[in-house]
N, C-alpha and C. Protein backbone atom coordinates (compact mmCIF):
# COMPACT_ATOMS: atom_id res chain seq x y z
N MET A 1 -24.89 -17.92 -23.05
CA MET A 1 -25.09 -18.92 -24.08
C MET A 1 -23.91 -19.89 -24.13
N THR A 2 -22.69 -19.35 -24.01
CA THR A 2 -21.50 -20.19 -24.01
C THR A 2 -21.53 -21.14 -22.82
N ARG A 3 -21.96 -20.65 -21.67
CA ARG A 3 -22.03 -21.48 -20.46
C ARG A 3 -22.99 -22.65 -20.68
N LEU A 4 -24.14 -22.41 -21.33
CA LEU A 4 -25.13 -23.45 -21.60
C LEU A 4 -24.54 -24.52 -22.53
N ILE A 5 -23.86 -24.09 -23.56
CA ILE A 5 -23.25 -25.04 -24.51
C ILE A 5 -22.18 -25.88 -23.82
N LEU A 6 -21.33 -25.23 -23.00
CA LEU A 6 -20.30 -25.97 -22.27
C LEU A 6 -20.92 -26.95 -21.27
N SER A 7 -22.00 -26.56 -20.63
CA SER A 7 -22.68 -27.46 -19.69
C SER A 7 -23.25 -28.68 -20.40
N LEU A 8 -23.87 -28.45 -21.55
CA LEU A 8 -24.42 -29.57 -22.32
C LEU A 8 -23.32 -30.49 -22.82
N LEU A 9 -22.21 -29.93 -23.27
CA LEU A 9 -21.08 -30.72 -23.73
C LEU A 9 -20.52 -31.55 -22.58
N ALA A 10 -20.38 -30.95 -21.39
CA ALA A 10 -19.87 -31.67 -20.23
C ALA A 10 -20.81 -32.82 -19.85
N LEU A 11 -22.11 -32.58 -19.91
CA LEU A 11 -23.08 -33.62 -19.61
C LEU A 11 -22.95 -34.78 -20.59
N ALA A 12 -22.81 -34.46 -21.86
CA ALA A 12 -22.69 -35.51 -22.88
C ALA A 12 -21.42 -36.32 -22.69
N LEU A 13 -20.30 -35.65 -22.39
CA LEU A 13 -19.03 -36.35 -22.22
C LEU A 13 -18.98 -37.16 -20.93
N SER A 14 -19.77 -36.78 -19.94
CA SER A 14 -19.75 -37.49 -18.66
C SER A 14 -20.60 -38.74 -18.68
N GLY A 15 -21.23 -39.05 -19.80
CA GLY A 15 -22.06 -40.24 -19.88
C GLY A 15 -23.53 -39.93 -19.97
N GLY A 16 -23.90 -38.69 -19.86
CA GLY A 16 -25.30 -38.31 -19.98
C GLY A 16 -25.86 -38.63 -21.34
N GLY A 17 -24.98 -38.77 -22.33
CA GLY A 17 -25.43 -39.09 -23.67
C GLY A 17 -25.81 -40.56 -23.85
N THR A 18 -25.56 -41.39 -22.83
CA THR A 18 -25.88 -42.80 -22.95
C THR A 18 -27.14 -43.18 -22.18
N ILE A 19 -27.87 -42.20 -21.73
CA ILE A 19 -29.06 -42.48 -20.94
C ILE A 19 -30.04 -43.34 -21.72
N ALA A 20 -30.26 -43.07 -22.98
CA ALA A 20 -31.23 -43.83 -23.77
C ALA A 20 -30.84 -45.30 -23.85
N ALA A 21 -29.56 -45.59 -23.95
CA ALA A 21 -29.13 -46.97 -24.05
C ALA A 21 -29.31 -47.72 -22.73
N GLN A 22 -29.38 -46.97 -21.60
CA GLN A 22 -29.50 -47.61 -20.31
C GLN A 22 -30.94 -47.63 -19.80
N ALA A 23 -31.85 -47.01 -20.51
CA ALA A 23 -33.23 -46.94 -20.06
C ALA A 23 -33.83 -48.33 -19.96
N ARG A 24 -34.65 -48.53 -18.95
CA ARG A 24 -35.32 -49.80 -18.74
C ARG A 24 -36.82 -49.58 -18.76
N PRO A 25 -37.56 -50.55 -19.25
CA PRO A 25 -39.00 -50.40 -19.21
C PRO A 25 -39.50 -50.35 -17.77
N THR A 26 -40.57 -49.60 -17.55
CA THR A 26 -41.09 -49.46 -16.20
C THR A 26 -42.18 -50.48 -15.91
N THR A 27 -42.63 -51.21 -16.92
CA THR A 27 -43.66 -52.22 -16.71
C THR A 27 -43.04 -53.59 -16.90
N PRO A 28 -43.56 -54.59 -16.19
CA PRO A 28 -43.00 -55.94 -16.36
C PRO A 28 -43.22 -56.43 -17.78
N ALA A 29 -42.29 -57.23 -18.25
CA ALA A 29 -42.38 -57.77 -19.61
C ALA A 29 -43.56 -58.73 -19.70
N ALA A 30 -44.25 -58.67 -20.81
CA ALA A 30 -45.36 -59.58 -21.04
C ALA A 30 -44.82 -60.96 -21.37
N VAL A 31 -45.58 -61.97 -21.05
CA VAL A 31 -45.21 -63.34 -21.40
C VAL A 31 -45.35 -63.47 -22.92
N PRO A 32 -44.29 -63.94 -23.59
CA PRO A 32 -44.36 -64.04 -25.05
C PRO A 32 -45.41 -65.07 -25.49
N THR A 33 -46.01 -64.78 -26.64
CA THR A 33 -46.92 -65.74 -27.25
C THR A 33 -46.10 -66.91 -27.78
N ALA A 34 -46.75 -67.97 -28.20
CA ALA A 34 -46.04 -69.13 -28.75
C ALA A 34 -45.22 -68.73 -29.97
N GLN A 35 -45.79 -67.89 -30.83
CA GLN A 35 -45.07 -67.46 -32.03
C GLN A 35 -43.87 -66.59 -31.66
N GLU A 36 -44.04 -65.68 -30.71
CA GLU A 36 -42.93 -64.85 -30.26
C GLU A 36 -41.83 -65.70 -29.64
N GLN A 37 -42.20 -66.69 -28.83
CA GLN A 37 -41.21 -67.57 -28.21
C GLN A 37 -40.46 -68.37 -29.27
N GLU A 38 -41.15 -68.80 -30.30
CA GLU A 38 -40.51 -69.52 -31.41
C GLU A 38 -39.41 -68.67 -32.04
N VAL A 39 -39.68 -67.39 -32.26
CA VAL A 39 -38.70 -66.50 -32.88
C VAL A 39 -37.54 -66.25 -31.91
N LEU A 40 -37.85 -66.02 -30.64
CA LEU A 40 -36.79 -65.81 -29.64
C LEU A 40 -35.88 -67.04 -29.53
N ASP A 41 -36.48 -68.23 -29.56
CA ASP A 41 -35.68 -69.46 -29.50
C ASP A 41 -34.81 -69.60 -30.75
N LEU A 42 -35.37 -69.26 -31.91
CA LEU A 42 -34.60 -69.33 -33.16
C LEU A 42 -33.42 -68.36 -33.11
N SER A 43 -33.66 -67.16 -32.60
CA SER A 43 -32.59 -66.17 -32.48
C SER A 43 -31.47 -66.69 -31.59
N ARG A 44 -31.84 -67.24 -30.43
CA ARG A 44 -30.83 -67.77 -29.49
C ARG A 44 -30.06 -68.92 -30.14
N THR A 45 -30.76 -69.79 -30.84
CA THR A 45 -30.11 -70.92 -31.51
C THR A 45 -29.17 -70.44 -32.61
N LYS A 46 -29.57 -69.36 -33.31
CA LYS A 46 -28.73 -68.80 -34.37
C LYS A 46 -27.36 -68.39 -33.81
N TRP A 47 -27.32 -67.80 -32.60
CA TRP A 47 -26.03 -67.40 -32.00
C TRP A 47 -25.14 -68.63 -31.79
N ARG A 48 -25.76 -69.76 -31.38
CA ARG A 48 -24.98 -70.99 -31.20
C ARG A 48 -24.44 -71.47 -32.55
N TRP A 49 -25.31 -71.46 -33.58
CA TRP A 49 -24.86 -71.89 -34.91
C TRP A 49 -23.73 -71.02 -35.41
N MET A 50 -23.79 -69.72 -35.11
CA MET A 50 -22.72 -68.81 -35.55
C MET A 50 -21.43 -69.14 -34.81
N ALA A 51 -21.51 -69.41 -33.51
CA ALA A 51 -20.33 -69.76 -32.72
C ALA A 51 -19.70 -71.07 -33.22
N GLU A 52 -20.57 -72.01 -33.60
CA GLU A 52 -20.10 -73.31 -34.09
C GLU A 52 -19.68 -73.28 -35.57
N ARG A 53 -19.87 -72.13 -36.22
CA ARG A 53 -19.58 -71.96 -37.65
C ARG A 53 -20.36 -72.97 -38.48
N ASN A 54 -21.61 -73.16 -38.11
CA ASN A 54 -22.49 -74.10 -38.79
C ASN A 54 -23.07 -73.41 -40.03
N VAL A 55 -22.25 -73.23 -41.03
CA VAL A 55 -22.58 -72.45 -42.22
C VAL A 55 -23.73 -73.06 -43.02
N ASP A 56 -23.79 -74.37 -43.11
CA ASP A 56 -24.86 -75.00 -43.88
C ASP A 56 -26.23 -74.71 -43.26
N THR A 57 -26.33 -74.78 -41.96
CA THR A 57 -27.59 -74.48 -41.28
C THR A 57 -27.91 -73.00 -41.37
N LEU A 58 -26.89 -72.15 -41.22
CA LEU A 58 -27.10 -70.71 -41.34
C LEU A 58 -27.56 -70.34 -42.75
N ALA A 59 -27.04 -71.02 -43.74
CA ALA A 59 -27.44 -70.75 -45.13
C ALA A 59 -28.94 -70.99 -45.33
N VAL A 60 -29.48 -71.97 -44.64
CA VAL A 60 -30.92 -72.24 -44.71
C VAL A 60 -31.69 -71.14 -43.98
N LEU A 61 -31.17 -70.67 -42.85
CA LEU A 61 -31.83 -69.64 -42.05
C LEU A 61 -31.80 -68.27 -42.73
N PHE A 62 -30.68 -67.92 -43.35
CA PHE A 62 -30.52 -66.59 -43.93
C PHE A 62 -31.33 -66.47 -45.22
N HIS A 63 -32.16 -65.46 -45.29
CA HIS A 63 -32.94 -65.16 -46.50
C HIS A 63 -31.98 -64.84 -47.64
N GLU A 64 -32.36 -65.18 -48.85
CA GLU A 64 -31.50 -64.93 -50.03
C GLU A 64 -31.09 -63.47 -50.15
N SER A 65 -31.96 -62.54 -49.72
CA SER A 65 -31.69 -61.11 -49.85
C SER A 65 -31.23 -60.48 -48.54
N ALA A 66 -30.80 -61.30 -47.59
CA ALA A 66 -30.42 -60.80 -46.27
C ALA A 66 -29.25 -59.81 -46.34
N VAL A 67 -29.26 -58.87 -45.38
CA VAL A 67 -28.17 -57.92 -45.22
C VAL A 67 -27.66 -57.99 -43.78
N PHE A 68 -26.36 -57.77 -43.63
CA PHE A 68 -25.69 -57.86 -42.34
C PHE A 68 -24.90 -56.58 -42.15
N VAL A 69 -25.21 -55.84 -41.09
CA VAL A 69 -24.56 -54.56 -40.84
C VAL A 69 -23.65 -54.69 -39.62
N HIS A 70 -22.36 -54.51 -39.86
CA HIS A 70 -21.34 -54.59 -38.82
C HIS A 70 -20.77 -53.20 -38.58
N MET A 71 -19.88 -53.09 -37.60
CA MET A 71 -19.28 -51.79 -37.30
C MET A 71 -18.47 -51.28 -38.49
N GLY A 72 -17.92 -52.20 -39.28
CA GLY A 72 -17.07 -51.79 -40.39
C GLY A 72 -17.73 -51.77 -41.75
N GLY A 73 -19.02 -52.02 -41.81
CA GLY A 73 -19.70 -52.00 -43.10
C GLY A 73 -20.81 -53.03 -43.16
N SER A 74 -21.33 -53.21 -44.36
CA SER A 74 -22.43 -54.15 -44.53
C SER A 74 -22.02 -55.26 -45.50
N MET A 75 -22.72 -56.40 -45.36
CA MET A 75 -22.42 -57.56 -46.18
C MET A 75 -23.71 -58.19 -46.68
N SER A 76 -23.58 -58.88 -47.79
CA SER A 76 -24.69 -59.68 -48.32
C SER A 76 -24.69 -61.03 -47.60
N ARG A 77 -25.70 -61.81 -47.90
CA ARG A 77 -25.80 -63.17 -47.36
C ARG A 77 -24.55 -63.98 -47.71
N ALA A 78 -24.17 -63.96 -48.98
CA ALA A 78 -23.01 -64.73 -49.43
C ALA A 78 -21.73 -64.27 -48.74
N GLN A 79 -21.57 -62.96 -48.59
CA GLN A 79 -20.37 -62.44 -47.92
C GLN A 79 -20.32 -62.85 -46.46
N GLU A 80 -21.46 -62.76 -45.77
CA GLU A 80 -21.51 -63.13 -44.35
C GLU A 80 -21.18 -64.61 -44.18
N LEU A 81 -21.77 -65.45 -44.99
CA LEU A 81 -21.49 -66.88 -44.90
C LEU A 81 -20.02 -67.18 -45.18
N GLN A 82 -19.43 -66.49 -46.16
CA GLN A 82 -18.02 -66.71 -46.48
C GLN A 82 -17.11 -66.24 -45.35
N VAL A 83 -17.45 -65.12 -44.72
CA VAL A 83 -16.64 -64.61 -43.61
C VAL A 83 -16.69 -65.59 -42.44
N ILE A 84 -17.86 -66.17 -42.18
CA ILE A 84 -17.98 -67.15 -41.10
C ILE A 84 -17.22 -68.42 -41.47
N ARG A 85 -17.42 -68.90 -42.70
CA ARG A 85 -16.76 -70.13 -43.17
C ARG A 85 -15.24 -69.97 -43.13
N GLY A 86 -14.74 -68.84 -43.60
CA GLY A 86 -13.31 -68.62 -43.69
C GLY A 86 -12.64 -68.16 -42.40
N GLY A 87 -13.43 -67.87 -41.38
CA GLY A 87 -12.85 -67.46 -40.10
C GLY A 87 -12.53 -65.98 -40.00
N GLY A 88 -12.93 -65.17 -40.98
CA GLY A 88 -12.70 -63.72 -40.89
C GLY A 88 -13.38 -63.13 -39.67
N ILE A 89 -14.54 -63.68 -39.33
CA ILE A 89 -15.22 -63.38 -38.07
C ILE A 89 -15.60 -64.71 -37.45
N HIS A 90 -15.16 -64.92 -36.22
CA HIS A 90 -15.60 -66.10 -35.47
C HIS A 90 -16.38 -65.60 -34.27
N TYR A 91 -17.69 -65.78 -34.34
CA TYR A 91 -18.58 -65.38 -33.25
C TYR A 91 -18.44 -66.42 -32.15
N LYS A 92 -17.51 -66.21 -31.22
CA LYS A 92 -17.22 -67.22 -30.21
C LYS A 92 -18.36 -67.40 -29.21
N HIS A 93 -18.89 -66.30 -28.70
CA HIS A 93 -19.93 -66.40 -27.67
C HIS A 93 -20.71 -65.09 -27.58
N ALA A 94 -22.02 -65.22 -27.56
CA ALA A 94 -22.89 -64.06 -27.35
C ALA A 94 -23.61 -64.25 -26.02
N GLU A 95 -23.27 -63.43 -25.05
CA GLU A 95 -23.99 -63.46 -23.78
C GLU A 95 -25.20 -62.54 -23.92
N ILE A 96 -26.38 -63.11 -23.86
CA ILE A 96 -27.61 -62.35 -24.07
C ILE A 96 -28.14 -61.87 -22.73
N PHE A 97 -28.24 -60.56 -22.58
CA PHE A 97 -28.75 -59.97 -21.34
C PHE A 97 -30.24 -59.70 -21.42
N ASP A 98 -30.71 -59.23 -22.54
CA ASP A 98 -32.13 -58.95 -22.76
C ASP A 98 -32.47 -59.33 -24.19
N ALA A 99 -33.68 -59.85 -24.37
CA ALA A 99 -34.17 -60.15 -25.71
C ALA A 99 -35.66 -59.85 -25.75
N SER A 100 -36.08 -59.21 -26.84
CA SER A 100 -37.50 -58.93 -27.02
C SER A 100 -37.84 -59.12 -28.48
N VAL A 101 -39.13 -59.33 -28.74
CA VAL A 101 -39.58 -59.53 -30.12
C VAL A 101 -40.91 -58.83 -30.30
N ARG A 102 -41.08 -58.28 -31.48
CA ARG A 102 -42.36 -57.72 -31.91
C ARG A 102 -42.67 -58.33 -33.26
N ILE A 103 -43.90 -58.82 -33.39
CA ILE A 103 -44.31 -59.41 -34.65
C ILE A 103 -45.34 -58.49 -35.30
N VAL A 104 -45.05 -58.15 -36.56
CA VAL A 104 -45.93 -57.30 -37.36
C VAL A 104 -46.26 -58.09 -38.62
N GLY A 105 -47.44 -58.66 -38.66
CA GLY A 105 -47.81 -59.47 -39.82
C GLY A 105 -46.91 -60.67 -39.93
N THR A 106 -46.17 -60.76 -41.03
CA THR A 106 -45.25 -61.88 -41.26
C THR A 106 -43.79 -61.48 -41.04
N THR A 107 -43.60 -60.40 -40.28
CA THR A 107 -42.26 -59.92 -39.96
C THR A 107 -42.07 -59.92 -38.45
N ALA A 108 -40.92 -60.38 -38.00
CA ALA A 108 -40.58 -60.36 -36.57
C ALA A 108 -39.32 -59.54 -36.39
N ILE A 109 -39.35 -58.64 -35.42
CA ILE A 109 -38.19 -57.81 -35.11
C ILE A 109 -37.71 -58.19 -33.72
N VAL A 110 -36.47 -58.67 -33.65
CA VAL A 110 -35.88 -59.10 -32.39
C VAL A 110 -34.79 -58.10 -32.00
N LEU A 111 -34.81 -57.68 -30.74
CA LEU A 111 -33.76 -56.84 -30.19
C LEU A 111 -33.05 -57.65 -29.11
N ASN A 112 -31.76 -57.81 -29.25
CA ASN A 112 -30.93 -58.50 -28.26
C ASN A 112 -29.90 -57.53 -27.72
N ARG A 113 -29.81 -57.42 -26.40
CA ARG A 113 -28.70 -56.68 -25.78
C ARG A 113 -27.71 -57.74 -25.35
N ILE A 114 -26.51 -57.71 -25.97
CA ILE A 114 -25.53 -58.78 -25.78
C ILE A 114 -24.14 -58.23 -25.50
N ARG A 115 -23.30 -59.13 -25.03
CA ARG A 115 -21.85 -58.91 -25.08
C ARG A 115 -21.34 -59.99 -26.00
N LEU A 116 -20.71 -59.57 -27.09
CA LEU A 116 -20.22 -60.51 -28.09
C LEU A 116 -18.71 -60.66 -27.96
N ASP A 117 -18.29 -61.91 -27.76
CA ASP A 117 -16.88 -62.25 -27.77
C ASP A 117 -16.61 -62.87 -29.13
N ALA A 118 -15.66 -62.30 -29.85
CA ALA A 118 -15.41 -62.75 -31.22
C ALA A 118 -13.93 -62.63 -31.55
N VAL A 119 -13.58 -63.27 -32.64
CA VAL A 119 -12.26 -63.09 -33.24
C VAL A 119 -12.52 -62.47 -34.60
N VAL A 120 -11.99 -61.26 -34.79
CA VAL A 120 -12.20 -60.54 -36.04
C VAL A 120 -10.83 -60.25 -36.64
N GLY A 121 -10.59 -60.81 -37.81
CA GLY A 121 -9.30 -60.62 -38.46
C GLY A 121 -8.13 -61.07 -37.61
N GLY A 122 -8.33 -62.12 -36.82
CA GLY A 122 -7.26 -62.66 -35.97
C GLY A 122 -7.15 -62.00 -34.61
N ASN A 123 -7.94 -60.97 -34.33
CA ASN A 123 -7.88 -60.26 -33.05
C ASN A 123 -9.10 -60.59 -32.20
N GLU A 124 -8.87 -60.97 -30.92
CA GLU A 124 -9.98 -61.22 -30.01
C GLU A 124 -10.56 -59.89 -29.56
N VAL A 125 -11.89 -59.80 -29.63
CA VAL A 125 -12.59 -58.59 -29.22
C VAL A 125 -13.82 -58.97 -28.40
N SER A 126 -14.23 -58.05 -27.55
CA SER A 126 -15.45 -58.22 -26.77
C SER A 126 -16.15 -56.88 -26.77
N ASN A 127 -17.40 -56.85 -27.25
CA ASN A 127 -18.13 -55.60 -27.37
C ASN A 127 -19.57 -55.75 -26.91
N PRO A 128 -20.10 -54.70 -26.27
CA PRO A 128 -21.52 -54.68 -25.94
C PRO A 128 -22.30 -54.15 -27.15
N PHE A 129 -23.37 -54.84 -27.51
CA PHE A 129 -24.18 -54.45 -28.66
C PHE A 129 -25.66 -54.54 -28.34
N VAL A 130 -26.43 -53.76 -29.07
CA VAL A 130 -27.83 -54.08 -29.29
C VAL A 130 -27.85 -54.60 -30.72
N VAL A 131 -28.38 -55.81 -30.88
CA VAL A 131 -28.44 -56.41 -32.20
C VAL A 131 -29.90 -56.46 -32.63
N THR A 132 -30.15 -55.89 -33.79
CA THR A 132 -31.49 -55.91 -34.37
C THR A 132 -31.54 -57.00 -35.42
N GLU A 133 -32.47 -57.93 -35.23
CA GLU A 133 -32.66 -59.01 -36.19
C GLU A 133 -34.06 -58.88 -36.77
N VAL A 134 -34.17 -58.97 -38.07
CA VAL A 134 -35.47 -58.93 -38.73
C VAL A 134 -35.67 -60.28 -39.42
N TYR A 135 -36.76 -60.94 -39.04
CA TYR A 135 -37.12 -62.22 -39.63
C TYR A 135 -38.40 -62.04 -40.44
N VAL A 136 -38.49 -62.75 -41.56
CA VAL A 136 -39.71 -62.76 -42.37
C VAL A 136 -40.15 -64.20 -42.55
N GLN A 137 -41.45 -64.39 -42.64
CA GLN A 137 -41.96 -65.75 -42.88
C GLN A 137 -41.99 -66.02 -44.37
N VAL A 138 -41.39 -67.15 -44.75
CA VAL A 138 -41.39 -67.60 -46.14
C VAL A 138 -41.87 -69.05 -46.12
N ASN A 139 -43.01 -69.29 -46.73
CA ASN A 139 -43.59 -70.64 -46.76
C ASN A 139 -43.68 -71.25 -45.36
N GLY A 140 -44.07 -70.44 -44.38
CA GLY A 140 -44.28 -70.91 -43.01
C GLY A 140 -43.03 -71.00 -42.16
N ALA A 141 -41.86 -70.69 -42.72
CA ALA A 141 -40.60 -70.76 -41.96
C ALA A 141 -40.04 -69.36 -41.79
N TRP A 142 -39.43 -69.11 -40.63
CA TRP A 142 -38.79 -67.82 -40.38
C TRP A 142 -37.43 -67.79 -41.05
N LYS A 143 -37.17 -66.71 -41.77
CA LYS A 143 -35.87 -66.49 -42.43
C LYS A 143 -35.29 -65.18 -41.92
N LEU A 144 -34.01 -65.17 -41.62
CA LEU A 144 -33.34 -63.95 -41.17
C LEU A 144 -33.09 -63.05 -42.37
N ALA A 145 -33.68 -61.86 -42.36
CA ALA A 145 -33.55 -60.93 -43.48
C ALA A 145 -32.55 -59.82 -43.20
N SER A 146 -32.31 -59.52 -41.90
CA SER A 146 -31.38 -58.45 -41.56
C SER A 146 -30.83 -58.70 -40.17
N LEU A 147 -29.54 -58.43 -40.02
CA LEU A 147 -28.85 -58.53 -38.73
C LEU A 147 -27.96 -57.29 -38.63
N SER A 148 -28.24 -56.43 -37.64
CA SER A 148 -27.49 -55.17 -37.51
C SER A 148 -26.95 -55.03 -36.10
N PHE A 149 -25.68 -54.71 -36.00
CA PHE A 149 -25.02 -54.50 -34.72
C PHE A 149 -24.91 -53.01 -34.43
N THR A 150 -25.37 -52.59 -33.26
CA THR A 150 -25.19 -51.23 -32.78
C THR A 150 -24.36 -51.32 -31.50
N ARG A 151 -23.16 -50.78 -31.53
CA ARG A 151 -22.28 -50.85 -30.36
C ARG A 151 -22.75 -49.90 -29.30
N LEU A 152 -22.80 -50.39 -28.06
CA LEU A 152 -23.21 -49.57 -26.93
C LEU A 152 -22.01 -48.89 -26.29
N LEU A 153 -22.22 -47.70 -25.75
CA LEU A 153 -21.17 -47.01 -25.00
C LEU A 153 -21.36 -47.36 -23.54
N GLN A 154 -20.39 -48.09 -22.98
CA GLN A 154 -20.50 -48.49 -21.57
C GLN A 154 -19.19 -48.29 -20.88
């Protein structure tokens, strides 16, 4: 029994625990619908707005009840906008490796696998993430309701 536990621990420490993060779909990606492409384009544009610290445009995009989950905690819409405005986080560049979207009714869920180069609290950092974005339709416009960063082990 001890040998089995040690073997499993060794497998996990050797990187076997990151298999799920590295898994790739076995079927080719479907061509996005017009609505899916609209959301994917909005997501990509949002990264540019964040890099440019375009707070006024982001304020329009972010839903009033939006939540933002970072490695160090969560923030409200107002807190996220203030952190971007004040330079507490400067999203310098997001290199997007993969992006997908699923639309369920009036909700769109975007998954981005990125490398984010940022300045956080005056320190330059670069991290691999899967970022989950949830958009909801409000009066025909997509609003970002949630943005969550999950750091990848690479």
